[in-house]
Amino acid sequence: MDPLTHTATGLFLSRAGLNRLTPLAAPIVILAANAPDIDIVTVTGGSLNYLHYHRHLTHSIAAAPLMAALTVVLVWAVARRPIRWGGAFLAALVAVASHLLLDYTNVYGIRLLLPFSPAWLRLDWTPVVDPWIWSALLLGVAGPFLARLVTSEISSSQRRSQHHGRGFAWFALVFLLLYNLGRGVLHERANAILEARLYDGEVPARTAAMPTLNPVVWSGLVETRDLFRIREVNLTGEFDPARGPAFEKPLLNAAVAAARQTDTFQIFLGFSQFPLWRVRAATDPPGSQNVEVFDLRFGTPREPGFVARALVTGQDKVISTSFQFGAARPR
């Protein structure tokens, strides 16, 4: 999820009760809720380096205790105030866990099992940025201030503000839980619709329902023997399996095999869950080919998202490779 969601979740976890575990709980929990995203520093090595190391070890279960401990030590070192070490570590660990769980729900995925397994795990329930979640979080932040403005008992305003803060924090956290579970139910319905249809007389080899900003509308990905199909699934209407773009899988020739061996393609294919290949003739040098692979979760050849490219000679030698983030398809 986005940093705003992680930050607000940390704030609400603190207000909901973690602030009772130790002094300085609020900064500890808020920073711990964002700590796994310290991998943002890898962007200095370029977009491909960031793709490889984003949601890497810092987002794993194995590293969660370390992320929590480092956060506690950092806050203590900066603030120079006493804390309860056991309570502080527990609060930070809960906050780190909230980060991992939120990232697990969305379409990008997370490598929870590193260093033991590099597998990407994802639930595909929510977009990386979800305005419905933002709305609830905004209410959770603004609610205590609004409640304090309308209270008539000025003498107890501080106590009431703390009470309202805890109440709105619980509201936001419960909403976050129920919203994600509700998204999960809708996701299963959308995926069941995709699996239950034939596509040009073929049973799908696999399907996936990708979240959009509308919880009842999903972007369906269907893979058959020869094609990838993108089909909108509106849970309030009829589903037409024939409606939507289709992308043919090309024959994977020697140029593709050569591109696969490069570091760029190895890293990209380790991330991509629905890779679509495209091979086209190039003019310079003569006889060469452009090899591209797209991750259909985030774009298509018409609207590129995550794309790896290689220029391969007629002798199947890779001249150059590149990776870039294109204009991602809205979700």
C-alpha atoms as a PDB file:
ATOM      1  CA  MET A   1       0.000   0.000   0.000  1.00  0.00           C
ATOM      2  CA  ASP A   2       0.956   3.667  -0.192  1.00  0.00           C
ATOM      3  CA  PRO A   3       2.866   5.502   2.589  1.00  0.00           C
ATOM      4  CA  LEU A   4      -0.212   7.508   3.642  1.00  0.00           C
ATOM      5  CA  THR A   5      -2.152   4.323   4.375  1.00  0.00           C
ATOM      6  CA  HIS A   6       0.737   2.799   6.329  1.00  0.00           C
ATOM      7  CA  THR A   7       1.304   5.998   8.307  1.00  0.00           C
ATOM      8  CA  ALA A   8      -2.358   6.421   9.242  1.00  0.00           C
ATOM      9  CA  THR A   9      -2.627   2.748  10.188  1.00  0.00           C
ATOM     10  CA  GLY A  10       0.348   3.166  12.518  1.00  0.00           C
ATOM     11  CA  LEU A  11      -1.227   6.248  14.083  1.00  0.00           C
ATOM     12  CA  PHE A  12      -4.500   4.432  14.705  1.00  0.00           C
ATOM     13  CA  LEU A  13      -2.780   1.364  16.134  1.00  0.00           C
ATOM     14  CA  SER A  14      -1.061   3.660  18.610  1.00  0.00           C
ATOM     15  CA  ARG A  15      -4.274   5.450  19.565  1.00  0.00           C
ATOM     16  CA  ALA A  16      -6.220   2.201  19.799  1.00  0.00           C
ATOM     17  CA  GLY A  17      -4.045   0.898  22.607  1.00  0.00           C
ATOM     18  CA  LEU A  18      -0.409   0.373  21.648  1.00  0.00           C
ATOM     19  CA  ASN A  19       0.403   3.758  23.200  1.00  0.00           C
ATOM     20  CA  ARG A  20      -0.149   2.142  26.590  1.00  0.00           C
ATOM     21  CA  LEU A  21       2.780  -0.229  26.116  1.00  0.00           C
ATOM     22  CA  THR A  22       5.564   2.324  26.307  1.00  0.00           C
ATOM     23  CA  PRO A  23       6.421   6.024  26.288  1.00  0.00           C
ATOM     24  CA  LEU A  24       7.107   7.325  22.774  1.00  0.00           C
ATOM     25  CA  ALA A  25       4.727   4.707  21.389  1.00  0.00           C
ATOM     26  CA  ALA A  26       3.275   6.998  18.707  1.00  0.00           C
ATOM     27  CA  PRO A  27       6.543   7.760  16.846  1.00  0.00           C
ATOM     28  CA  ILE A  28       7.712   4.166  17.309  1.00  0.00           C
ATOM     29  CA  VAL A  29       4.538   2.674  15.856  1.00  0.00           C
ATOM     30  CA  ILE A  30       4.218   5.188  13.012  1.00  0.00           C
ATOM     31  CA  LEU A  31       7.827   4.684  11.930  1.00  0.00           C
ATOM     32  CA  ALA A  32       7.578   0.898  12.293  1.00  0.00           C
ATOM     33  CA  ALA A  33       4.450   0.885  10.133  1.00  0.00           C
ATOM     34  CA  ASN A  34       6.605   2.387   7.359  1.00  0.00           C
ATOM     35  CA  ALA A  35       9.910   0.688   8.163  1.00  0.00           C
ATOM     36  CA  PRO A  36       9.791  -2.059   5.482  1.00  0.00           C
ATOM     37  CA  ASP A  37       9.671   0.633   2.802  1.00  0.00           C
ATOM     38  CA  ILE A  38      13.223   1.626   3.677  1.00  0.00           C
ATOM     39  CA  ASP A  39      13.998  -0.304   0.497  1.00  0.00           C
ATOM     40  CA  ILE A  40      13.109   2.897  -1.367  1.00  0.00           C
ATOM     41  CA  VAL A  41      16.844   3.678  -1.193  1.00  0.00           C
ATOM     42  CA  THR A  42      17.432   1.032  -3.873  1.00  0.00           C
ATOM     43  CA  VAL A  43      15.876   3.353  -6.454  1.00  0.00           C
ATOM     44  CA  THR A  44      19.255   5.104  -6.583  1.00  0.00           C
ATOM     45  CA  GLY A  45      20.488   2.064  -8.516  1.00  0.00           C
ATOM     46  CA  GLY A  46      17.873   2.552 -11.234  1.00  0.00           C
ATOM     47  CA  SER A  47      14.386   1.265 -11.916  1.00  0.00           C
ATOM     48  CA  LEU A  48      15.451  -2.347 -12.503  1.00  0.00           C
ATOM     49  CA  ASN A  49      17.413  -2.406  -9.249  1.00  0.00           C
ATOM     50  CA  TYR A  50      14.353  -1.044  -7.450  1.00  0.00           C
ATOM     51  CA  LEU A  51      12.104  -3.663  -9.057  1.00  0.00           C
ATOM     52  CA  HIS A  52      14.438  -6.385  -7.798  1.00  0.00           C
ATOM     53  CA  TYR A  53      14.824  -5.130  -4.238  1.00  0.00           C
ATOM     54  CA  HIS A  54      11.432  -3.503  -3.585  1.00  0.00           C
ATOM     55  CA  ARG A  55       9.397  -5.639  -1.195  1.00  0.00           C
ATOM     56  CA  HIS A  56      12.445  -7.806  -0.738  1.00  0.00           C
ATOM     57  CA  LEU A  57      13.974  -8.861   2.607  1.00  0.00           C
ATOM     58  CA  THR A  58      12.619  -5.834   4.460  1.00  0.00           C
ATOM     59  CA  HIS A  59       9.112  -7.107   3.670  1.00  0.00           C
ATOM     60  CA  SER A  60       9.690 -10.672   4.847  1.00  0.00           C
ATOM     61  CA  ILE A  61       8.431 -12.366   7.987  1.00  0.00           C
ATOM     62  CA  ALA A  62      12.008 -13.298   8.876  1.00  0.00           C
ATOM     63  CA  ALA A  63      13.127  -9.648   8.905  1.00  0.00           C
ATOM     64  CA  ALA A  64      10.074  -8.288  10.769  1.00  0.00           C
ATOM     65  CA  PRO A  65      11.661  -8.530  14.252  1.00  0.00           C
ATOM     66  CA  LEU A  66      14.765  -6.733  12.970  1.00  0.00           C
ATOM     67  CA  MET A  67      12.675  -3.964  11.395  1.00  0.00           C
ATOM     68  CA  ALA A  68      10.827  -3.539  14.698  1.00  0.00           C
ATOM     69  CA  ALA A  69      13.992  -3.511  16.806  1.00  0.00           C
ATOM     70  CA  LEU A  70      15.761  -0.988  14.579  1.00  0.00           C
ATOM     71  CA  THR A  71      12.776   1.344  14.777  1.00  0.00           C
ATOM     72  CA  VAL A  72      12.732   1.210  18.561  1.00  0.00           C
ATOM     73  CA  VAL A  73      16.465   1.888  18.790  1.00  0.00           C
ATOM     74  CA  LEU A  74      16.219   4.788  16.329  1.00  0.00           C
ATOM     75  CA  VAL A  75      13.411   6.546  18.217  1.00  0.00           C
ATOM     76  CA  TRP A  76      15.141   6.001  21.557  1.00  0.00           C
ATOM     77  CA  ALA A  77      18.451   7.332  20.213  1.00  0.00           C
ATOM     78  CA  VAL A  78      16.829  10.464  18.770  1.00  0.00           C
ATOM     79  CA  ALA A  79      14.458  11.222  21.638  1.00  0.00           C
ATOM     80  CA  ARG A  80      16.857  10.356  24.462  1.00  0.00           C
ATOM     81  CA  ARG A  81      13.962   9.475  26.725  1.00  0.00           C
ATOM     82  CA  PRO A  82      13.282   6.296  28.718  1.00  0.00           C
ATOM     83  CA  ILE A  83      11.095   3.638  27.119  1.00  0.00           C
ATOM     84  CA  ARG A  84       9.843   0.218  28.122  1.00  0.00           C
ATOM     85  CA  TRP A  85      11.888  -1.958  25.797  1.00  0.00           C
ATOM     86  CA  GLY A  86       9.637  -5.001  25.796  1.00  0.00           C
ATOM     87  CA  GLY A  87       6.474  -2.983  25.217  1.00  0.00           C
ATOM     88  CA  ALA A  88       8.159  -0.820  22.604  1.00  0.00           C
ATOM     89  CA  PHE A  89       9.368  -3.861  20.657  1.00  0.00           C
ATOM     90  CA  LEU A  90       5.916  -5.483  20.781  1.00  0.00           C
ATOM     91  CA  ALA A  91       4.221  -2.302  19.571  1.00  0.00           C
ATOM     92  CA  ALA A  92       6.732  -1.924  16.745  1.00  0.00           C
ATOM     93  CA  LEU A  93       6.366  -5.566  15.717  1.00  0.00           C
ATOM     94  CA  VAL A  94       2.576  -5.183  15.468  1.00  0.00           C
ATOM     95  CA  ALA A  95       3.072  -2.107  13.280  1.00  0.00           C
ATOM     96  CA  VAL A  96       5.545  -3.900  10.986  1.00  0.00           C
ATOM     97  CA  ALA A  97       3.087  -6.795  10.697  1.00  0.00           C
ATOM     98  CA  SER A  98       0.347  -4.348   9.663  1.00  0.00           C
ATOM     99  CA  HIS A  99       2.578  -3.169   6.817  1.00  0.00           C
ATOM    100  CA  LEU A 100       3.180  -6.705   5.567  1.00  0.00           C
ATOM    101  CA  LEU A 101      -0.513  -7.612   5.760  1.00  0.00           C
ATOM    102  CA  LEU A 102      -1.621  -4.509   3.880  1.00  0.00           C
ATOM    103  CA  ASP A 103       0.946  -5.095   1.142  1.00  0.00           C
ATOM    104  CA  TYR A 104      -0.140  -8.729   0.906  1.00  0.00           C
ATOM    105  CA  THR A 105      -3.703  -7.668   0.062  1.00  0.00           C
ATOM    106  CA  ASN A 106      -2.839  -5.704  -3.057  1.00  0.00           C
ATOM    107  CA  VAL A 107      -2.046  -6.532  -6.644  1.00  0.00           C
ATOM    108  CA  TYR A 108       1.703  -5.831  -6.551  1.00  0.00           C
ATOM    109  CA  GLY A 109       2.457  -8.699  -4.188  1.00  0.00           C
ATOM    110  CA  ILE A 110       5.033  -9.339  -1.488  1.00  0.00           C
ATOM    111  CA  ARG A 111       7.845 -11.811  -0.881  1.00  0.00           C
ATOM    112  CA  LEU A 112       6.930 -12.800   2.659  1.00  0.00           C
ATOM    113  CA  LEU A 113       9.015 -15.974   2.740  1.00  0.00           C
ATOM    114  CA  LEU A 114      12.438 -14.590   1.855  1.00  0.00           C
ATOM    115  CA  PRO A 115      15.197 -15.703   2.237  1.00  0.00           C
ATOM    116  CA  PHE A 116      13.737 -19.220   2.148  1.00  0.00           C
ATOM    117  CA  SER A 117      11.540 -18.714  -0.923  1.00  0.00           C
ATOM    118  CA  PRO A 118      11.535 -15.919  -3.545  1.00  0.00           C
ATOM    119  CA  ALA A 119       7.870 -16.542  -4.418  1.00  0.00           C
ATOM    120  CA  TRP A 120       5.645 -13.500  -4.821  1.00  0.00           C
ATOM    121  CA  LEU A 121       2.465 -13.814  -2.754  1.00  0.00           C
ATOM    122  CA  ARG A 122      -0.572 -11.635  -3.346  1.00  0.00           C
ATOM    123  CA  LEU A 123      -4.303 -11.597  -2.681  1.00  0.00           C
ATOM    124  CA  ASP A 124      -5.305  -9.136  -5.444  1.00  0.00           C
ATOM    125  CA  TRP A 125      -7.972  -7.622  -3.205  1.00  0.00           C
ATOM    126  CA  THR A 126      -7.040  -3.935  -3.307  1.00  0.00           C
ATOM    127  CA  PRO A 127      -5.202  -1.473  -5.536  1.00  0.00           C
ATOM    128  CA  VAL A 128      -1.916  -0.101  -4.224  1.00  0.00           C
ATOM    129  CA  VAL A 129      -3.733   3.216  -3.666  1.00  0.00           C
ATOM    130  CA  ASP A 130      -7.371   2.876  -2.607  1.00  0.00           C
ATOM    131  CA  PRO A 131      -9.534   6.040  -2.231  1.00  0.00           C
ATOM    132  CA  TRP A 132     -12.109   4.207  -0.093  1.00  0.00           C
ATOM    133  CA  ILE A 133      -9.430   3.362   2.438  1.00  0.00           C
ATOM    134  CA  TRP A 134      -8.134   6.914   2.255  1.00  0.00           C
ATOM    135  CA  SER A 135     -11.617   8.267   3.013  1.00  0.00           C
ATOM    136  CA  ALA A 136     -11.966   6.149   6.155  1.00  0.00           C
ATOM    137  CA  LEU A 137      -8.454   7.068   7.287  1.00  0.00           C
ATOM    138  CA  LEU A 138      -9.164  10.751   6.738  1.00  0.00           C
ATOM    139  CA  LEU A 139     -12.269  10.484   8.892  1.00  0.00           C
ATOM    140  CA  GLY A 140     -10.228   8.710  11.554  1.00  0.00           C
ATOM    141  CA  VAL A 141      -7.702  11.556  11.574  1.00  0.00           C
ATOM    142  CA  ALA A 142     -10.166  14.456  11.350  1.00  0.00           C
ATOM    143  CA  GLY A 143     -12.860  12.973  13.595  1.00  0.00           C
ATOM    144  CA  PRO A 144     -11.254  13.746  16.965  1.00  0.00           C
ATOM    145  CA  PHE A 145     -10.674  17.386  15.999  1.00  0.00           C
ATOM    146  CA  LEU A 146     -14.248  17.803  14.813  1.00  0.00           C
ATOM    147  CA  ALA A 147     -15.548  16.121  17.946  1.00  0.00           C
ATOM    148  CA  ARG A 148     -13.506  18.450  20.108  1.00  0.00           C
ATOM    149  CA  LEU A 149     -14.917  21.496  18.299  1.00  0.00           C
ATOM    150  CA  VAL A 150     -18.512  20.517  19.001  1.00  0.00           C
ATOM    151  CA  THR A 151     -18.095  19.423  22.600  1.00  0.00           C
ATOM    152  CA  SER A 152     -19.734  21.713  25.127  1.00  0.00           C
ATOM    153  CA  GLU A 153     -17.732  20.602  28.171  1.00  0.00           C
ATOM    154  CA  ILE A 154     -14.591  22.677  27.779  1.00  0.00           C
ATOM    155  CA  SER A 155     -13.202  21.639  31.128  1.00  0.00           C
ATOM    156  CA  SER A 156     -12.862  18.024  30.042  1.00  0.00           C
ATOM    157  CA  SER A 157     -11.924  18.692  26.441  1.00  0.00           C
ATOM    158  CA  GLN A 158      -8.508  17.036  26.656  1.00  0.00           C
ATOM    159  CA  ARG A 159      -9.935  13.844  28.123  1.00  0.00           C
ATOM    160  CA  ARG A 160     -12.740  13.850  25.582  1.00  0.00           C
ATOM    161  CA  SER A 161     -10.254  14.408  22.757  1.00  0.00           C
ATOM    162  CA  GLN A 162      -8.289  11.346  23.851  1.00  0.00           C
ATOM    163  CA  HIS A 163     -11.506   9.334  24.087  1.00  0.00           C
ATOM    164  CA  HIS A 164     -12.670  10.448  20.653  1.00  0.00           C
ATOM    165  CA  GLY A 165      -9.209   9.763  19.230  1.00  0.00           C
ATOM    166  CA  ARG A 166      -9.338   6.178  20.469  1.00  0.00           C
ATOM    167  CA  GLY A 167     -12.884   5.715  19.188  1.00  0.00           C
ATOM    168  CA  PHE A 168     -12.139   7.026  15.716  1.00  0.00           C
ATOM    169  CA  ALA A 169      -8.947   4.972  15.617  1.00  0.00           C
ATOM    170  CA  TRP A 170     -10.929   1.806  16.306  1.00  0.00           C
ATOM    171  CA  PHE A 171     -13.464   2.850  13.663  1.00  0.00           C
ATOM    172  CA  ALA A 172     -10.723   3.245  11.042  1.00  0.00           C
ATOM    173  CA  LEU A 173      -9.027  -0.048  11.934  1.00  0.00           C
ATOM    174  CA  VAL A 174     -12.288  -2.001  11.943  1.00  0.00           C
ATOM    175  CA  PHE A 175     -13.256  -0.436   8.624  1.00  0.00           C
ATOM    176  CA  LEU A 176      -9.867  -1.399   7.186  1.00  0.00           C
ATOM    177  CA  LEU A 177     -10.355  -5.001   8.298  1.00  0.00           C
ATOM    178  CA  LEU A 178     -13.961  -5.337   7.133  1.00  0.00           C
ATOM    179  CA  TYR A 179     -13.301  -3.518   3.861  1.00  0.00           C
ATOM    180  CA  ASN A 180     -10.438  -5.837   2.972  1.00  0.00           C
ATOM    181  CA  LEU A 181     -12.454  -8.922   3.899  1.00  0.00           C
ATOM    182  CA  GLY A 182     -15.344  -7.623   1.817  1.00  0.00           C
ATOM    183  CA  ARG A 183     -12.990  -7.037  -1.094  1.00  0.00           C
ATOM    184  CA  GLY A 184     -11.804 -10.610  -0.651  1.00  0.00           C
ATOM    185  CA  VAL A 185     -15.341 -11.957  -0.973  1.00  0.00           C
ATOM    186  CA  LEU A 186     -15.989  -9.857  -4.094  1.00  0.00           C
ATOM    187  CA  HIS A 187     -12.658 -10.982  -5.548  1.00  0.00           C
ATOM    188  CA  GLU A 188     -13.631 -14.636  -5.178  1.00  0.00           C
ATOM    189  CA  ARG A 189     -16.947 -13.972  -6.927  1.00  0.00           C
ATOM    190  CA  ALA A 190     -15.219 -12.204  -9.815  1.00  0.00           C
ATOM    191  CA  ASN A 191     -12.659 -14.949 -10.210  1.00  0.00           C
ATOM    192  CA  ALA A 192     -15.363 -17.633 -10.103  1.00  0.00           C
ATOM    193  CA  ILE A 193     -17.169 -15.868 -12.959  1.00  0.00           C
ATOM    194  CA  LEU A 194     -13.976 -15.839 -15.025  1.00  0.00           C
ATOM    195  CA  GLU A 195     -13.283 -19.518 -14.380  1.00  0.00           C
ATOM    196  CA  ALA A 196     -16.835 -20.627 -15.212  1.00  0.00           C
ATOM    197  CA  ARG A 197     -16.814 -19.429 -18.834  1.00  0.00           C
ATOM    198  CA  LEU A 198     -15.454 -20.755 -22.113  1.00  0.00           C
ATOM    199  CA  TYR A 199     -13.377 -18.458 -24.308  1.00  0.00           C
ATOM    200  CA  ASP A 200     -13.717 -19.250 -28.006  1.00  0.00           C
ATOM    201  CA  GLY A 201     -14.623 -22.768 -26.917  1.00  0.00           C
ATOM    202  CA  GLU A 202     -11.579 -23.120 -24.655  1.00  0.00           C
ATOM    203  CA  VAL A 203     -11.416 -23.664 -20.926  1.00  0.00           C
ATOM    204  CA  PRO A 204      -9.115 -21.057 -19.347  1.00  0.00           C
ATOM    205  CA  ALA A 205      -5.716 -22.308 -18.230  1.00  0.00           C
ATOM    206  CA  ARG A 206      -5.738 -19.741 -15.427  1.00  0.00           C
ATOM    207  CA  THR A 207      -7.551 -16.572 -14.453  1.00  0.00           C
ATOM    208  CA  ALA A 208      -7.058 -13.625 -12.145  1.00  0.00           C
ATOM    209  CA  ALA A 209      -9.374 -10.844 -11.021  1.00  0.00           C
ATOM    210  CA  MET A 210      -7.418  -7.609 -10.609  1.00  0.00           C
ATOM    211  CA  PRO A 211      -8.830  -4.817  -8.399  1.00  0.00           C
ATOM    212  CA  THR A 212      -9.977  -1.472  -9.742  1.00  0.00           C
ATOM    213  CA  LEU A 213     -10.986   1.607  -7.774  1.00  0.00           C
ATOM    214  CA  ASN A 214     -14.593   0.367  -7.886  1.00  0.00           C
ATOM    215  CA  PRO A 215     -14.998  -2.635  -5.524  1.00  0.00           C
ATOM    216  CA  VAL A 216     -17.690  -4.231  -7.728  1.00  0.00           C
ATOM    217  CA  VAL A 217     -15.733  -3.866 -10.987  1.00  0.00           C
ATOM    218  CA  TRP A 218     -12.690  -6.087 -11.562  1.00  0.00           C
ATOM    219  CA  SER A 219     -10.200  -6.343 -14.401  1.00  0.00           C
ATOM    220  CA  GLY A 220     -10.203 -10.001 -15.390  1.00  0.00           C
ATOM    221  CA  LEU A 221      -7.136 -11.686 -16.878  1.00  0.00           C
ATOM    222  CA  VAL A 222      -7.746 -14.943 -18.708  1.00  0.00           C
ATOM    223  CA  GLU A 223      -5.027 -17.116 -20.158  1.00  0.00           C
ATOM    224  CA  THR A 224      -5.791 -19.814 -22.704  1.00  0.00           C
ATOM    225  CA  ARG A 225      -3.452 -21.914 -24.816  1.00  0.00           C
ATOM    226  CA  ASP A 226      -2.859 -19.242 -27.459  1.00  0.00           C
ATOM    227  CA  LEU A 227      -4.152 -15.978 -26.015  1.00  0.00           C
ATOM    228  CA  PHE A 228      -4.338 -13.635 -23.065  1.00  0.00           C
ATOM    229  CA  ARG A 229      -7.696 -11.930 -22.699  1.00  0.00           C
ATOM    230  CA  ILE A 230      -8.652  -8.920 -20.586  1.00  0.00           C
ATOM    231  CA  ARG A 231     -12.301  -8.908 -19.565  1.00  0.00           C
ATOM    232  CA  GLU A 232     -14.103  -6.484 -17.281  1.00  0.00           C
ATOM    233  CA  VAL A 233     -16.140  -8.214 -14.588  1.00  0.00           C
ATOM    234  CA  ASN A 234     -18.944  -6.021 -13.220  1.00  0.00           C
ATOM    235  CA  LEU A 235     -20.570  -7.908 -10.360  1.00  0.00           C
ATOM    236  CA  THR A 236     -23.768  -5.876 -10.767  1.00  0.00           C
ATOM    237  CA  GLY A 237     -24.237  -6.736 -14.449  1.00  0.00           C
ATOM    238  CA  GLU A 238     -23.921  -9.480 -17.026  1.00  0.00           C
ATOM    239  CA  PHE A 239     -20.513 -10.853 -17.938  1.00  0.00           C
ATOM    240  CA  ASP A 240     -19.685 -11.123 -21.637  1.00  0.00           C
ATOM    241  CA  PRO A 241     -16.647 -13.405 -22.166  1.00  0.00           C
ATOM    242  CA  ALA A 242     -16.318 -12.201 -25.779  1.00  0.00           C
ATOM    243  CA  ARG A 243     -15.975  -8.526 -24.897  1.00  0.00           C
ATOM    244  CA  GLY A 244     -12.543  -6.995 -24.390  1.00  0.00           C
ATOM    245  CA  PRO A 245      -9.069  -7.051 -25.939  1.00  0.00           C
ATOM    246  CA  ALA A 246      -7.122 -10.232 -26.659  1.00  0.00           C
ATOM    247  CA  PHE A 247      -3.371 -10.601 -27.109  1.00  0.00           C
ATOM    248  CA  GLU A 248      -1.885 -13.505 -29.002  1.00  0.00           C
ATOM    249  CA  LYS A 249       1.055 -15.374 -27.542  1.00  0.00           C
ATOM    250  CA  PRO A 250       3.876 -15.341 -30.115  1.00  0.00           C
ATOM    251  CA  LEU A 251       6.090 -18.288 -30.902  1.00  0.00           C
ATOM    252  CA  LEU A 252       9.035 -18.101 -28.537  1.00  0.00           C
ATOM    253  CA  ASN A 253      12.004 -18.170 -30.886  1.00  0.00           C
ATOM    254  CA  ALA A 254      15.772 -18.124 -30.353  1.00  0.00           C
ATOM    255  CA  ALA A 255      15.754 -14.342 -29.864  1.00  0.00           C
ATOM    256  CA  VAL A 256      13.385 -14.740 -26.919  1.00  0.00           C
ATOM    257  CA  ALA A 257      15.586 -17.485 -25.508  1.00  0.00           C
ATOM    258  CA  ALA A 258      18.604 -15.179 -25.738  1.00  0.00           C
ATOM    259  CA  ALA A 259      16.755 -12.307 -24.051  1.00  0.00           C
ATOM    260  CA  ARG A 260      15.628 -14.628 -21.240  1.00  0.00           C
ATOM    261  CA  GLN A 261      19.244 -15.235 -20.248  1.00  0.00           C
ATOM    262  CA  THR A 262      19.987 -11.585 -19.511  1.00  0.00           C
ATOM    263  CA  ASP A 263      19.870 -10.158 -15.992  1.00  0.00           C
ATOM    264  CA  THR A 264      17.205  -7.656 -17.034  1.00  0.00           C
ATOM    265  CA  PHE A 265      14.797 -10.331 -18.181  1.00  0.00           C
ATOM    266  CA  GLN A 266      15.629 -12.686 -15.322  1.00  0.00           C
ATOM    267  CA  ILE A 267      14.750  -9.999 -12.775  1.00  0.00           C
ATOM    268  CA  PHE A 268      11.632  -8.948 -14.638  1.00  0.00           C
ATOM    269  CA  LEU A 269      10.355 -12.499 -15.123  1.00  0.00           C
ATOM    270  CA  GLY A 270      10.945 -13.164 -11.437  1.00  0.00           C
ATOM    271  CA  PHE A 271       8.471 -10.365 -10.732  1.00  0.00           C
ATOM    272  CA  SER A 272       5.968 -10.706 -13.577  1.00  0.00           C
ATOM    273  CA  GLN A 273       2.957 -12.916 -12.936  1.00  0.00           C
ATOM    274  CA  PHE A 274       1.331 -12.611 -16.374  1.00  0.00           C
ATOM    275  CA  PRO A 275       4.151 -12.090 -18.904  1.00  0.00           C
ATOM    276  CA  LEU A 276       3.106 -11.326 -22.477  1.00  0.00           C
ATOM    277  CA  TRP A 277       5.877 -11.527 -25.079  1.00  0.00           C
ATOM    278  CA  ARG A 278       6.100  -9.510 -28.264  1.00  0.00           C
ATOM    279  CA  VAL A 279       8.736 -10.013 -30.976  1.00  0.00           C
ATOM    280  CA  ARG A 280       9.110  -7.553 -33.844  1.00  0.00           C
ATOM    281  CA  ALA A 281      11.621  -7.033 -36.609  1.00  0.00           C
ATOM    282  CA  ALA A 282      14.113  -4.216 -36.093  1.00  0.00           C
ATOM    283  CA  THR A 283      15.920  -2.251 -38.779  1.00  0.00           C
ATOM    284  CA  ASP A 284      19.224  -1.489 -37.068  1.00  0.00           C
ATOM    285  CA  PRO A 285      21.222  -3.621 -37.281  1.00  0.00           C
ATOM    286  CA  PRO A 286      19.683  -5.434 -40.247  1.00  0.00           C
ATOM    287  CA  GLY A 287      18.099  -8.756 -39.364  1.00  0.00           C
ATOM    288  CA  SER A 288      17.769  -7.918 -35.670  1.00  0.00           C
ATOM    289  CA  GLN A 289      14.636  -8.238 -33.536  1.00  0.00           C
ATOM    290  CA  ASN A 290      13.071  -6.263 -30.709  1.00  0.00           C
ATOM    291  CA  VAL A 291      11.956  -8.565 -27.888  1.00  0.00           C
ATOM    292  CA  GLU A 292       9.551  -7.169 -25.302  1.00  0.00           C
ATOM    293  CA  VAL A 293       7.748  -8.682 -22.348  1.00  0.00           C
ATOM    294  CA  PHE A 294       4.901  -6.958 -20.474  1.00  0.00           C
ATOM    295  CA  ASP A 295       3.307  -7.734 -17.120  1.00  0.00           C
ATOM    296  CA  LEU A 296      -0.397  -7.698 -17.967  1.00  0.00           C
ATOM    297  CA  ARG A 297      -1.355  -6.834 -14.391  1.00  0.00           C
ATOM    298  CA  PHE A 298      -0.103  -3.303 -14.982  1.00  0.00           C
ATOM    299  CA  GLY A 299      -0.467  -2.617 -18.671  1.00  0.00           C
ATOM    300  CA  THR A 300      -0.618  -3.935 -22.214  1.00  0.00           C
ATOM    301  CA  PRO A 301       1.288  -3.258 -25.456  1.00  0.00           C
ATOM    302  CA  ARG A 302      -1.322  -0.564 -26.096  1.00  0.00           C
ATOM    303  CA  GLU A 303      -0.839   1.074 -22.690  1.00  0.00           C
ATOM    304  CA  PRO A 304       2.536  -0.126 -21.373  1.00  0.00           C
ATOM    305  CA  GLY A 305       3.165  -0.482 -17.686  1.00  0.00           C
ATOM    306  CA  PHE A 306       6.117  -2.629 -16.615  1.00  0.00           C
ATOM    307  CA  VAL A 307       8.144  -3.549 -19.717  1.00  0.00           C
ATOM    308  CA  ALA A 308      11.492  -5.274 -20.323  1.00  0.00           C
ATOM    309  CA  ARG A 309      13.068  -4.875 -23.752  1.00  0.00           C
ATOM    310  CA  ALA A 310      15.991  -6.377 -25.624  1.00  0.00           C
ATOM    311  CA  LEU A 311      17.531  -5.817 -29.041  1.00  0.00           C
ATOM    312  CA  VAL A 312      18.777  -9.130 -30.440  1.00  0.00           C
ATOM    313  CA  THR A 313      20.872  -9.600 -33.581  1.00  0.00           C
ATOM    314  CA  GLY A 314      20.150 -12.078 -36.330  1.00  0.00           C
ATOM    315  CA  GLN A 315      22.808 -14.305 -34.731  1.00  0.00           C
ATOM    316  CA  ASP A 316      20.784 -14.268 -31.483  1.00  0.00           C
ATOM    317  CA  LYS A 317      23.223 -12.031 -29.644  1.00  0.00           C
ATOM    318  CA  VAL A 318      21.718  -9.505 -27.239  1.00  0.00           C
ATOM    319  CA  ILE A 319      22.971  -6.000 -28.031  1.00  0.00           C
ATOM    320  CA  SER A 320      21.111  -4.083 -25.328  1.00  0.00           C
ATOM    321  CA  THR A 321      18.404  -4.482 -22.699  1.00  0.00           C
ATOM    322  CA  SER A 322      16.267  -2.022 -20.764  1.00  0.00           C
ATOM    323  CA  PHE A 323      13.485  -1.898 -18.229  1.00  0.00           C
ATOM    324  CA  GLN A 324      11.084   0.943 -17.672  1.00  0.00           C
ATOM    325  CA  PHE A 325       7.859   1.944 -15.998  1.00  0.00           C
ATOM    326  CA  GLY A 326       5.487   3.160 -18.669  1.00  0.00           C
ATOM    327  CA  ALA A 327       2.139   4.897 -18.407  1.00  0.00           C
ATOM    328  CA  ALA A 328       0.439   2.406 -16.105  1.00  0.00           C
ATOM    329  CA  ARG A 329      -3.149   1.437 -16.783  1.00  0.00           C
ATOM    330  CA  PRO A 330      -5.556   3.009 -14.235  1.00  0.00           C
ATOM    331  CA  ARG A 331      -6.700   0.629 -11.474  1.00  0.00           C
END
